[in-house]
N, C-alpha and C. Protein backbone atom coordinates (compact mmCIF):
# COMPACT_ATOMS: atom_id res chain seq x y z
N UNK A 1 0.84 -1.12 -0.18
CA UNK A 1 -0.12 -0.16 0.35
C UNK A 1 0.54 1.02 -0.27
N UNK A 2 0.79 2.03 -0.93
CA UNK A 2 1.54 3.45 -1.34
C UNK A 2 0.90 4.07 0.31
N UNK A 3 1.89 4.62 0.32
CA UNK A 3 2.16 5.87 1.79
C UNK A 3 1.54 5.93 3.16
N UNK A 4 0.57 4.93 3.50
CA UNK A 4 0.46 4.20 4.61
C UNK A 4 0.53 5.49 5.62
N UNK A 5 0.56 4.93 7.24
CA UNK A 5 -0.10 6.18 7.74
C UNK A 5 1.63 6.36 8.22
N UNK A 6 1.56 7.89 8.44
CA UNK A 6 2.63 8.24 9.17
C UNK A 6 2.99 8.26 10.26
N UNK A 7 4.39 7.44 10.96
CA UNK A 7 4.25 7.08 12.36
C UNK A 7 4.95 8.44 13.19
N UNK A 8 5.43 9.79 12.37
CA UNK A 8 5.33 11.14 12.81
C UNK A 8 5.26 12.27 12.16
N UNK A 9 5.75 13.32 12.70
CA UNK A 9 5.36 14.50 11.38
C UNK A 9 6.67 14.28 10.91
N UNK A 10 7.04 14.45 10.47
CA UNK A 10 8.32 14.80 9.13
C UNK A 10 8.74 16.88 9.16
N UNK A 11 7.98 16.79 9.42
CA UNK A 11 7.60 18.76 9.04
C UNK A 11 8.61 19.17 8.48
N UNK A 12 8.36 18.80 7.27
CA UNK A 12 9.44 18.97 5.89
C UNK A 12 11.00 19.50 5.95
N UNK A 13 11.27 18.46 7.21
CA UNK A 13 13.12 18.22 7.33
C UNK A 13 13.67 16.66 7.16
N UNK A 14 14.93 17.22 7.06
CA UNK A 14 15.33 15.72 6.87
C UNK A 14 15.45 14.97 8.55
N UNK A 15 15.66 13.58 8.66
CA UNK A 15 15.43 13.38 9.49
C UNK A 15 16.69 13.73 11.11
N UNK A 16 18.33 14.18 10.36
CA UNK A 16 18.87 15.18 11.11
C UNK A 16 18.61 16.10 11.32
N UNK A 17 17.94 16.97 10.22
CA UNK A 17 17.99 18.60 10.87
C UNK A 17 16.35 18.26 11.82
N UNK A 18 15.33 17.80 11.37
CA UNK A 18 14.25 17.24 12.19
C UNK A 18 14.66 16.80 13.56
N UNK A 19 15.69 15.76 14.40
CA UNK A 19 16.23 15.26 15.23
C UNK A 19 16.54 17.08 15.72
N UNK A 20 17.19 17.71 15.23
CA UNK A 20 18.04 18.91 16.05
C UNK A 20 17.35 19.61 16.32
N UNK A 21 15.52 19.89 15.74
CA UNK A 21 14.82 21.00 15.91
C UNK A 21 14.12 20.16 17.11
N UNK A 22 13.66 19.03 17.35
CA UNK A 22 12.82 19.11 18.32
C UNK A 22 14.20 18.59 19.82
N UNK A 23 15.52 18.54 19.77
CA UNK A 23 16.01 18.57 20.57
C UNK A 23 16.28 20.32 21.43
N UNK A 24 16.10 20.62 20.41
CA UNK A 24 16.47 22.63 20.43
C UNK A 24 15.17 22.70 21.03
N UNK A 25 14.04 21.93 20.75
CA UNK A 25 12.69 22.89 21.42
C UNK A 25 12.54 22.42 22.74
N UNK A 26 13.25 21.13 23.10
CA UNK A 26 12.84 20.47 24.47
C UNK A 26 14.36 21.00 25.94
N UNK A 27 14.68 21.43 24.97
CA UNK A 27 16.26 21.37 25.40
C UNK A 27 15.13 23.43 26.42
N UNK A 28 14.71 23.93 25.10
CA UNK A 28 14.57 25.26 26.07
C UNK A 28 13.35 25.53 26.49
N UNK A 29 12.19 24.34 26.53
CA UNK A 29 10.78 24.03 27.12
C UNK A 29 11.11 23.59 28.89
N UNK A 30 12.27 22.77 28.72
CA UNK A 30 12.95 22.63 29.84
C UNK A 30 13.68 23.62 30.72
N UNK A 31 14.10 24.41 29.80
CA UNK A 31 14.93 25.67 30.01
C UNK A 31 14.11 26.45 30.64
N UNK A 32 12.87 26.68 30.25
CA UNK A 32 11.72 28.00 30.53
C UNK A 32 10.40 27.73 31.39
N UNK A 33 10.36 25.89 30.80
CA UNK A 33 9.32 25.63 31.89
C UNK A 33 7.61 26.18 30.54
N UNK A 34 8.02 26.82 29.56
CA UNK A 34 7.08 27.16 28.45
C UNK A 34 7.56 28.05 27.51
N UNK A 35 7.40 27.41 26.25
CA UNK A 35 7.75 27.58 24.37
C UNK A 35 6.72 27.98 24.20
N UNK A 36 6.37 28.73 23.05
CA UNK A 36 5.60 29.44 21.69
C UNK A 36 6.31 28.85 20.35
N UNK A 37 5.23 28.15 19.67
CA UNK A 37 5.82 27.29 18.49
C UNK A 37 4.92 27.39 17.86
N UNK A 38 4.92 26.40 16.21
CA UNK A 38 3.81 26.47 15.97
C UNK A 38 3.40 24.85 15.90
N UNK A 39 2.31 24.54 16.31
CA UNK A 39 1.39 23.97 17.09
C UNK A 39 2.24 22.00 16.39
N UNK A 40 2.69 22.13 14.53
CA UNK A 40 2.81 20.92 14.72
C UNK A 40 4.23 20.46 15.52
N UNK A 41 4.91 21.42 15.60
CA UNK A 41 6.58 21.07 16.77
C UNK A 41 5.91 20.62 17.61
N UNK A 42 5.08 21.68 18.41
CA UNK A 42 4.69 21.57 19.88
C UNK A 42 4.34 20.14 19.92
N UNK A 43 3.12 19.82 19.30
CA UNK A 43 3.10 18.29 19.10
C UNK A 43 4.21 17.31 19.20
N UNK A 44 5.01 17.25 18.45
CA UNK A 44 5.92 16.46 18.54
C UNK A 44 7.09 17.03 19.26
N UNK A 45 7.34 17.61 19.62
CA UNK A 45 8.29 18.20 21.08
C UNK A 45 7.83 17.44 22.01
N UNK A 46 6.25 17.91 22.63
CA UNK A 46 5.40 17.57 23.39
C UNK A 46 5.58 15.80 23.42
N UNK A 47 5.88 14.73 22.48
CA UNK A 47 6.08 13.56 22.36
C UNK A 47 7.61 13.56 23.64
N UNK A 48 8.97 13.67 22.79
CA UNK A 48 9.70 14.14 23.45
C UNK A 48 10.15 13.98 25.04
N UNK A 49 9.13 15.14 25.14
CA UNK A 49 9.42 15.61 26.55
C UNK A 49 8.79 14.77 27.40
N UNK A 50 7.68 14.41 26.93
CA UNK A 50 6.87 12.87 27.70
C UNK A 50 8.26 12.03 28.09
N UNK A 51 8.47 11.40 26.92
CA UNK A 51 9.80 10.57 27.37
C UNK A 51 10.66 10.34 28.52
N UNK A 52 11.26 12.55 28.45
CA UNK A 52 12.19 12.47 28.66
C UNK A 52 11.43 12.73 30.52
N UNK A 53 10.68 12.86 30.59
CA UNK A 53 10.40 13.02 32.47
C UNK A 53 9.77 11.73 32.82
N UNK A 54 9.62 10.99 31.71
CA UNK A 54 8.73 9.04 32.04
C UNK A 54 10.52 8.68 32.64
N UNK A 55 11.61 9.53 31.91
CA UNK A 55 13.19 8.65 31.90
C UNK A 55 13.70 9.47 33.76
N UNK A 56 13.51 10.70 33.55
CA UNK A 56 13.79 11.26 35.15
C UNK A 56 13.08 10.79 36.17
N UNK A 57 11.41 9.79 36.51
CA UNK A 57 10.94 9.25 37.12
C UNK A 57 11.83 7.88 37.68
N UNK A 58 12.33 7.65 36.01
CA UNK A 58 12.93 6.19 36.65
C UNK A 58 14.16 6.38 37.11
N UNK A 59 14.90 7.43 37.48
CA UNK A 59 16.10 7.71 37.73
C UNK A 59 17.30 6.17 38.11
N UNK A 60 17.58 5.99 36.59
CA UNK A 60 18.65 4.73 36.48
C UNK A 60 19.61 5.83 35.57
N UNK A 61 21.22 4.99 36.28
CA UNK A 61 21.84 5.50 35.08
C UNK A 61 21.74 5.00 33.73
N UNK A 62 20.91 4.83 32.89
CA UNK A 62 20.76 4.26 31.55
C UNK A 62 19.91 5.35 31.39
N UNK A 63 18.92 6.02 31.95
CA UNK A 63 18.06 6.96 31.96
C UNK A 63 18.91 8.42 31.86
N UNK A 64 19.92 8.24 32.72
CA UNK A 64 20.70 9.49 33.16
C UNK A 64 21.14 9.86 31.63
N UNK A 65 22.09 8.67 31.16
CA UNK A 65 22.63 8.48 29.82
C UNK A 65 21.89 9.01 28.68
N UNK A 66 20.78 8.52 28.81
CA UNK A 66 19.89 8.44 27.47
C UNK A 66 19.42 10.01 27.57
N UNK A 67 19.05 10.89 28.56
CA UNK A 67 18.43 12.30 29.21
C UNK A 67 19.94 12.75 28.51
N UNK A 68 20.82 12.63 28.72
CA UNK A 68 22.08 13.28 28.66
C UNK A 68 22.23 13.61 26.89
N UNK A 69 22.01 12.37 26.36
CA UNK A 69 22.15 12.60 25.32
C UNK A 69 21.06 13.55 24.18
N UNK A 70 20.22 13.66 24.60
CA UNK A 70 19.05 14.32 24.13
C UNK A 70 18.92 15.63 23.92
N UNK A 71 19.28 16.33 25.42
CA UNK A 71 19.44 17.71 25.68
C UNK A 71 20.85 18.50 25.27
N UNK A 72 20.31 19.71 24.97
CA UNK A 72 21.96 20.43 24.14
C UNK A 72 22.59 20.97 25.83
N UNK A 73 22.55 21.09 26.88
CA UNK A 73 22.83 21.79 27.71
C UNK A 73 22.21 21.15 28.76
N UNK A 74 23.23 19.80 28.34
CA UNK A 74 22.68 18.45 29.40
C UNK A 74 23.11 18.90 31.08
N UNK A 75 24.37 19.82 31.33
CA UNK A 75 24.61 19.56 32.71
C UNK A 75 24.27 20.64 33.50
N UNK A 76 23.32 21.76 32.49
CA UNK A 76 22.14 22.43 33.27
C UNK A 76 21.07 22.12 33.58
N UNK A 77 20.24 21.36 32.87
CA UNK A 77 19.05 20.29 32.89
C UNK A 77 19.14 19.17 33.60
N UNK A 78 20.05 18.48 33.66
CA UNK A 78 20.20 17.16 34.24
C UNK A 78 19.50 17.02 35.50
N UNK A 79 20.33 18.02 36.06
CA UNK A 79 19.72 18.19 37.81
C UNK A 79 18.45 18.69 38.35
N UNK A 80 18.18 19.97 37.06
CA UNK A 80 16.39 20.04 37.03
C UNK A 80 15.31 18.82 36.73
N UNK A 81 15.81 17.92 35.54
CA UNK A 81 14.97 16.60 34.90
C UNK A 81 15.42 16.07 36.43
N UNK A 82 16.10 15.50 37.20
CA UNK A 82 16.04 14.30 38.13
C UNK A 82 16.04 15.35 39.19
N UNK A 83 15.42 16.15 39.61
CA UNK A 83 15.42 17.38 41.19
C UNK A 83 14.29 17.25 41.18
N UNK A 84 13.75 18.49 40.68
CA UNK A 84 12.85 19.08 41.11
C UNK A 84 11.32 18.38 40.33
N UNK A 85 12.06 18.57 38.73
CA UNK A 85 10.98 17.71 37.79
C UNK A 85 10.57 16.39 38.30
N UNK A 86 11.00 15.82 38.98
CA UNK A 86 10.90 14.31 39.35
C UNK A 86 10.04 13.80 40.55
N UNK A 87 10.16 14.94 41.78
CA UNK A 87 9.46 14.98 42.59
C UNK A 87 7.95 16.02 42.10
N UNK A 88 8.18 16.58 41.16
CA UNK A 88 6.97 17.17 41.06
C UNK A 88 5.70 16.61 40.37
N UNK A 89 6.45 15.55 39.56
CA UNK A 89 5.60 14.41 38.75
C UNK A 89 5.65 13.04 39.10
N UNK A 90 6.03 12.95 40.69
CA UNK A 90 5.83 11.40 41.24
C UNK A 90 4.85 10.77 41.43
N UNK A 91 3.67 11.49 41.57
CA UNK A 91 2.34 11.20 41.52
C UNK A 91 1.19 11.31 40.41
N UNK A 92 1.67 11.51 39.29
CA UNK A 92 1.04 11.89 38.04
C UNK A 92 1.60 11.45 37.37
N UNK A 93 0.21 9.99 36.97
CA UNK A 93 0.71 9.22 35.81
C UNK A 93 1.33 8.76 34.12
N UNK A 94 0.46 10.60 34.14
CA UNK A 94 1.33 10.93 32.86
C UNK A 94 0.71 12.05 33.24
N UNK A 95 0.87 12.54 30.86
CA UNK A 95 0.52 13.90 30.89
C UNK A 95 1.23 15.32 31.90
N UNK A 96 2.30 14.82 31.24
CA UNK A 96 3.67 16.44 32.00
C UNK A 96 3.13 17.43 31.35
N UNK A 97 2.80 17.55 30.04
CA UNK A 97 2.99 18.82 28.84
C UNK A 97 1.42 18.67 28.77
N UNK A 98 0.88 20.41 28.34
CA UNK A 98 0.33 20.81 27.92
C UNK A 98 0.49 21.84 26.27
N UNK A 99 -0.55 21.37 25.64
CA UNK A 99 -0.10 22.21 24.63
C UNK A 99 -1.39 23.02 24.16
N UNK A 100 -1.49 24.45 23.93
CA UNK A 100 -3.00 25.69 24.06
C UNK A 100 -2.33 25.93 23.03
N UNK A 101 -3.42 25.70 21.99
CA UNK A 101 -3.27 27.31 20.31
C UNK A 101 -3.68 28.40 21.27
N UNK A 102 -3.00 29.01 19.89
CA UNK A 102 -2.97 30.86 20.31
C UNK A 102 -3.14 31.05 18.96
N UNK A 103 -3.68 32.17 18.79
CA UNK A 103 -3.70 32.77 17.37
C UNK A 103 -2.56 33.16 16.81
N UNK A 104 -2.62 33.08 15.78
CA UNK A 104 -0.89 33.04 14.93
C UNK A 104 -0.22 33.77 15.14
N UNK A 105 1.11 34.13 15.20
CA UNK A 105 1.63 35.17 15.29
C UNK A 105 2.26 35.59 14.41
N UNK A 106 3.03 34.96 13.05
CA UNK A 106 3.86 34.32 12.57
C UNK A 106 2.85 35.37 11.50
N UNK A 107 3.58 35.62 10.07
CA UNK A 107 3.14 36.44 8.82
C UNK A 107 2.96 35.80 8.57
N UNK A 108 2.71 34.28 7.98
CA UNK A 108 2.42 33.39 6.74
C UNK A 108 1.55 32.72 8.18
N UNK A 109 0.45 32.98 9.22
CA UNK A 109 -0.45 32.86 9.30
C UNK A 109 -0.44 30.96 10.27
N UNK A 110 0.92 30.52 10.49
CA UNK A 110 0.76 29.24 10.92
C UNK A 110 0.11 29.44 11.82
N UNK A 111 -0.52 28.05 11.80
CA UNK A 111 -1.22 27.75 13.47
C UNK A 111 0.03 27.88 14.19
N UNK A 112 -0.10 28.83 15.37
CA UNK A 112 0.56 29.08 16.71
C UNK A 112 0.23 28.25 17.86
N UNK A 113 1.16 27.60 19.03
CA UNK A 113 0.65 27.01 20.16
C UNK A 113 1.79 27.01 21.18
N UNK A 114 1.03 27.21 22.64
CA UNK A 114 2.16 27.45 23.94
C UNK A 114 2.50 25.74 23.92
N UNK A 115 3.29 25.36 24.41
CA UNK A 115 3.69 23.97 24.89
C UNK A 115 4.64 24.46 26.49
N UNK A 116 3.75 23.77 26.78
CA UNK A 116 3.99 23.81 28.51
C UNK A 116 4.44 22.92 29.67
N UNK A 117 4.89 22.93 30.92
CA UNK A 117 5.00 22.01 31.46
C UNK A 117 3.83 22.03 32.53
N UNK A 118 2.98 21.36 33.04
CA UNK A 118 1.80 21.24 34.19
C UNK A 118 2.58 21.89 35.14
N UNK A 119 1.23 22.35 35.96
CA UNK A 119 1.72 22.19 37.50
C UNK A 119 3.19 22.67 37.92
N UNK A 120 3.68 24.05 36.96
CA UNK A 120 4.87 24.21 36.79
C UNK A 120 4.36 26.10 37.30
N UNK A 121 5.32 26.85 37.44
CA UNK A 121 4.95 28.26 38.13
C UNK A 121 4.34 29.30 36.65
N UNK A 122 4.40 28.75 35.85
CA UNK A 122 3.92 29.29 34.10
C UNK A 122 2.78 28.39 33.97
N UNK A 123 1.94 28.45 34.95
CA UNK A 123 1.02 26.79 34.02
C UNK A 123 0.09 27.56 33.95
N UNK A 124 -0.24 27.76 32.49
CA UNK A 124 -1.18 29.30 32.07
C UNK A 124 -2.61 29.15 32.05
N UNK A 125 -2.74 27.35 32.49
CA UNK A 125 -4.50 26.99 32.86
C UNK A 125 -4.84 27.36 34.22
N UNK A 126 -3.39 26.98 35.15
CA UNK A 126 -3.96 27.60 36.68
C UNK A 126 -3.69 28.67 36.48
N UNK A 127 -3.55 29.99 35.67
CA UNK A 127 -3.37 31.25 36.06
C UNK A 127 -5.07 32.07 35.50
N UNK A 128 -5.38 31.09 34.36
CA UNK A 128 -7.11 31.71 33.83
C UNK A 128 -7.57 31.30 34.80
N UNK A 129 -7.70 29.87 35.20
CA UNK A 129 -8.26 29.57 36.28
C UNK A 129 -9.14 30.36 37.79
N UNK A 130 -7.88 30.72 38.06
CA UNK A 130 -7.39 31.69 39.33
C UNK A 130 -8.29 32.93 38.95
N UNK A 131 -8.29 33.73 37.70
CA UNK A 131 -8.86 34.45 37.09
C UNK A 131 -9.87 34.17 37.22
N UNK A 132 -10.69 33.46 36.71
CA UNK A 132 -12.43 33.24 36.17
C UNK A 132 -12.75 33.04 37.50
N UNK A 133 -12.30 32.35 38.55
CA UNK A 133 -13.48 32.33 39.85
C UNK A 133 -12.87 33.37 40.48
N UNK A 134 -11.56 34.50 40.60
CA UNK A 134 -11.87 36.02 41.49
C UNK A 134 -12.75 36.79 40.62
N UNK A 135 -13.05 36.45 38.91
CA UNK A 135 -13.95 37.54 38.50
C UNK A 135 -15.69 36.87 38.79
N UNK A 136 -15.68 35.50 38.88
CA UNK A 136 -16.55 35.00 39.17
C UNK A 136 -16.87 35.41 40.67
N UNK A 137 -16.18 35.56 41.42
CA UNK A 137 -16.37 35.99 43.05
C UNK A 137 -16.77 38.07 42.62
N UNK A 138 -16.30 38.82 42.57
CA UNK A 138 -15.84 39.74 42.41
C UNK A 138 -17.46 40.35 41.64
N UNK A 139 -18.47 39.28 40.81
CA UNK A 139 -19.31 39.71 40.50
C UNK A 139 -20.36 39.28 41.64
N UNK A 140 -19.96 38.43 42.97
CA UNK A 140 -20.88 38.20 43.56
C UNK A 140 -21.74 36.80 43.06
N UNK A 141 -21.22 35.64 42.71
CA UNK A 141 -21.42 34.49 42.55
C UNK A 141 -21.22 33.25 43.15
N UNK A 142 -21.65 32.87 44.15
CA UNK A 142 -21.48 31.82 45.51
C UNK A 142 -20.89 30.94 44.81
N UNK A 143 -21.74 30.25 43.78
CA UNK A 143 -21.24 28.53 42.96
C UNK A 143 -20.45 29.14 41.52
N UNK A 144 -19.38 28.06 41.49
CA UNK A 144 -19.14 28.28 40.15
C UNK A 144 -19.84 27.34 39.50
N UNK A 145 -19.71 28.03 37.88
CA UNK A 145 -20.21 26.72 36.77
C UNK A 145 -19.56 25.56 36.61
N UNK A 146 -20.13 24.62 36.30
CA UNK A 146 -19.55 23.55 35.99
C UNK A 146 -18.65 23.17 35.27
N UNK A 147 -17.87 24.14 34.29
CA UNK A 147 -16.41 24.61 33.41
C UNK A 147 -15.49 24.98 34.60
N UNK A 148 -16.08 25.69 34.78
CA UNK A 148 -14.91 26.40 35.83
C UNK A 148 -14.52 25.00 37.27
N UNK A 149 -15.89 24.98 37.43
CA UNK A 149 -15.20 23.19 38.96
C UNK A 149 -14.42 22.78 38.24
N UNK A 150 -14.83 22.32 36.70
CA UNK A 150 -13.87 20.64 36.06
C UNK A 150 -12.34 21.44 36.11
N UNK A 151 -12.19 22.90 35.71
CA UNK A 151 -11.15 23.24 35.44
C UNK A 151 -10.30 23.29 37.00
N UNK A 152 -10.64 23.69 38.17
CA UNK A 152 -10.44 23.61 39.39
C UNK A 152 -9.89 22.45 39.53
N UNK A 153 -11.08 21.76 39.66
CA UNK A 153 -10.38 20.13 39.91
C UNK A 153 -8.78 20.01 39.08
N UNK A 154 -9.15 19.99 37.79
CA UNK A 154 -7.76 19.73 37.03
C UNK A 154 -6.41 20.55 37.18
N UNK A 155 -6.81 21.44 37.73
CA UNK A 155 -5.42 22.25 38.27
C UNK A 155 -5.01 21.97 39.99
N UNK A 156 -5.83 21.31 40.12
CA UNK A 156 -5.02 21.01 41.74
C UNK A 156 -5.44 19.77 41.66
N UNK A 157 -5.69 18.91 41.15
CA UNK A 157 -5.87 17.26 41.34
C UNK A 157 -4.19 16.71 41.43
N UNK A 158 -3.04 17.07 40.94
CA UNK A 158 -2.21 16.91 40.82
C UNK A 158 -1.29 17.63 41.96
N UNK A 159 -1.45 18.69 41.82
CA UNK A 159 -0.22 19.73 42.54
C UNK A 159 -0.19 19.76 43.97
N UNK A 160 1.02 19.45 44.39
CA UNK A 160 1.05 19.65 45.88
C UNK A 160 0.42 20.97 46.49
N UNK A 161 -0.59 20.99 47.39
CA UNK A 161 -0.96 21.84 48.04
C UNK A 161 -1.40 23.07 46.88
N UNK A 162 -2.44 21.84 45.92
CA UNK A 162 -3.05 22.70 44.94
C UNK A 162 -4.18 23.40 45.37
N UNK A 163 -4.94 23.82 46.62
CA UNK A 163 -5.83 24.39 46.83
C UNK A 163 -5.56 25.24 47.30
N UNK A 164 -4.78 25.30 48.10
CA UNK A 164 -4.35 26.49 49.11
C UNK A 164 -3.22 27.26 48.06
N UNK A 165 -2.96 27.04 46.90
CA UNK A 165 -1.79 27.99 46.18
C UNK A 165 -3.11 28.38 44.82
N UNK A 166 -4.12 27.80 44.39
CA UNK A 166 -4.68 28.50 44.01
C UNK A 166 -5.79 29.62 44.70
N UNK A 167 -6.10 29.16 45.70
CA UNK A 167 -6.90 30.49 46.87
C UNK A 167 -5.82 31.49 47.03
N UNK A 168 -4.63 31.41 47.10
CA UNK A 168 -3.61 32.54 47.34
C UNK A 168 -3.50 33.44 45.46
N UNK A 169 -3.58 32.78 45.02
CA UNK A 169 -3.75 33.17 43.40
C UNK A 169 -4.74 34.02 42.95
N UNK A 170 -5.77 33.81 43.64
CA UNK A 170 -7.39 34.23 43.92
C UNK A 170 -7.32 35.60 43.99
N UNK A 171 -6.72 35.62 45.86
CA UNK A 171 -6.65 36.07 46.42
C UNK A 171 -5.43 37.85 46.24
N UNK A 172 -4.40 37.31 45.58
CA UNK A 172 -3.24 37.97 44.51
C UNK A 172 -4.15 39.29 43.94
N UNK A 173 -4.93 38.62 43.12
CA UNK A 173 -5.68 38.27 41.41
C UNK A 173 -6.94 39.90 41.73
N UNK A 174 -7.18 39.58 43.06
CA UNK A 174 -8.25 40.03 44.11
C UNK A 174 -7.93 41.76 44.50
N UNK A 175 -6.84 41.73 45.35
CA UNK A 175 -5.64 42.53 45.76
C UNK A 175 -5.71 43.43 44.59
N UNK A 176 -5.37 42.90 43.08
CA UNK A 176 -4.71 43.43 42.17
C UNK A 176 -6.05 44.09 41.52
N UNK A 177 -7.06 43.58 41.68
CA UNK A 177 -8.63 44.35 40.56
C UNK A 177 -8.80 45.49 41.61
N UNK A 178 -8.91 45.10 43.16
CA UNK A 178 -9.02 46.36 43.95
C UNK A 178 -8.35 47.49 44.10
N UNK A 179 -6.78 47.18 43.72
CA UNK A 179 -6.02 48.10 43.69
C UNK A 179 -6.17 49.44 42.25
N UNK A 180 -6.85 48.01 40.80
CA UNK A 180 -7.21 48.79 39.79
C UNK A 180 -8.71 49.83 40.00
N UNK A 181 -9.18 49.94 40.48
CA UNK A 181 -10.69 49.89 40.86
C UNK A 181 -10.01 51.96 40.89
N UNK A 182 -9.50 52.03 42.68
CA UNK A 182 -8.64 52.56 43.24
C UNK A 182 -8.20 53.94 41.99
N UNK A 183 -7.22 53.21 41.24
CA UNK A 183 -6.72 53.92 40.06
C UNK A 183 -7.40 54.68 39.30
N UNK A 184 -8.36 54.06 38.41
CA UNK A 184 -9.23 54.12 37.74
C UNK A 184 -10.31 55.27 38.54
N UNK A 185 -10.92 55.35 39.97
CA UNK A 185 -11.69 56.67 40.34
C UNK A 185 -11.04 57.93 40.91
N UNK A 186 -9.35 57.27 41.40
CA UNK A 186 -8.61 58.80 41.16
C UNK A 186 -8.00 59.73 40.03
N UNK A 187 -8.18 58.88 38.75
CA UNK A 187 -8.07 59.37 37.85
C UNK A 187 -9.44 59.92 37.57
N UNK A 188 -10.79 59.57 37.41
CA UNK A 188 -12.09 60.29 37.04
C UNK A 188 -11.88 61.49 37.88
N UNK A 189 -12.07 61.44 39.39
CA UNK A 189 -11.56 62.68 40.38
C UNK A 189 -10.51 63.64 39.40
N UNK A 190 -9.44 63.33 39.26
CA UNK A 190 -8.95 63.92 38.47
C UNK A 190 -9.06 64.64 37.53
N UNK A 191 -9.77 63.79 36.34
CA UNK A 191 -10.86 64.37 35.50
C UNK A 191 -11.09 65.12 35.57
N UNK A 192 -12.51 65.36 36.08
CA UNK A 192 -13.16 66.15 36.72
C UNK A 192 -13.21 66.83 37.42
N UNK A 193 -12.51 67.25 37.89
CA UNK A 193 -11.97 68.59 38.32
C UNK A 193 -10.82 69.61 37.15
N UNK A 194 -10.66 69.07 36.26
CA UNK A 194 -10.07 70.38 35.07
C UNK A 194 -11.10 70.63 34.15
């Protein structure tokens, strides 16, 4: 049968170039915990990142050597992979990364995405859920809608002290909202005086 099902995205590159690209993306992901790229590249880099985190959870000499051969700056990233990231994902059975589609940023309108490590300091879903809950509380709503409740469960499920972290983020957003209101009122008063 001609063609057949592709086992991976070729990304319009020869094999060595494709592997170099993916290694570079994964090195940047583990360094910054969040990267923006095109959607197909993000999905392929996600596969490699998930495998590397699984190697980090195994924590054997063979897994260290394999991770060493993948990263471009291994001496900076191996302690992070086999230290904090291994502890962060110890209880999580999988799904260590998330791909979020965003508006195309390039001139060619290529589909863009954000690839991020979940439960980290730059977790986009965590921040968006906290902002939604803070907004609903500011509007005086006592109960959360079904989608927001589901997102709260997702972002706190495997995160250590997840509910406490979410409440702290909500309180911080509520304080920021109050400060913005005070600034707006002060600007309105100055505008009415002139």
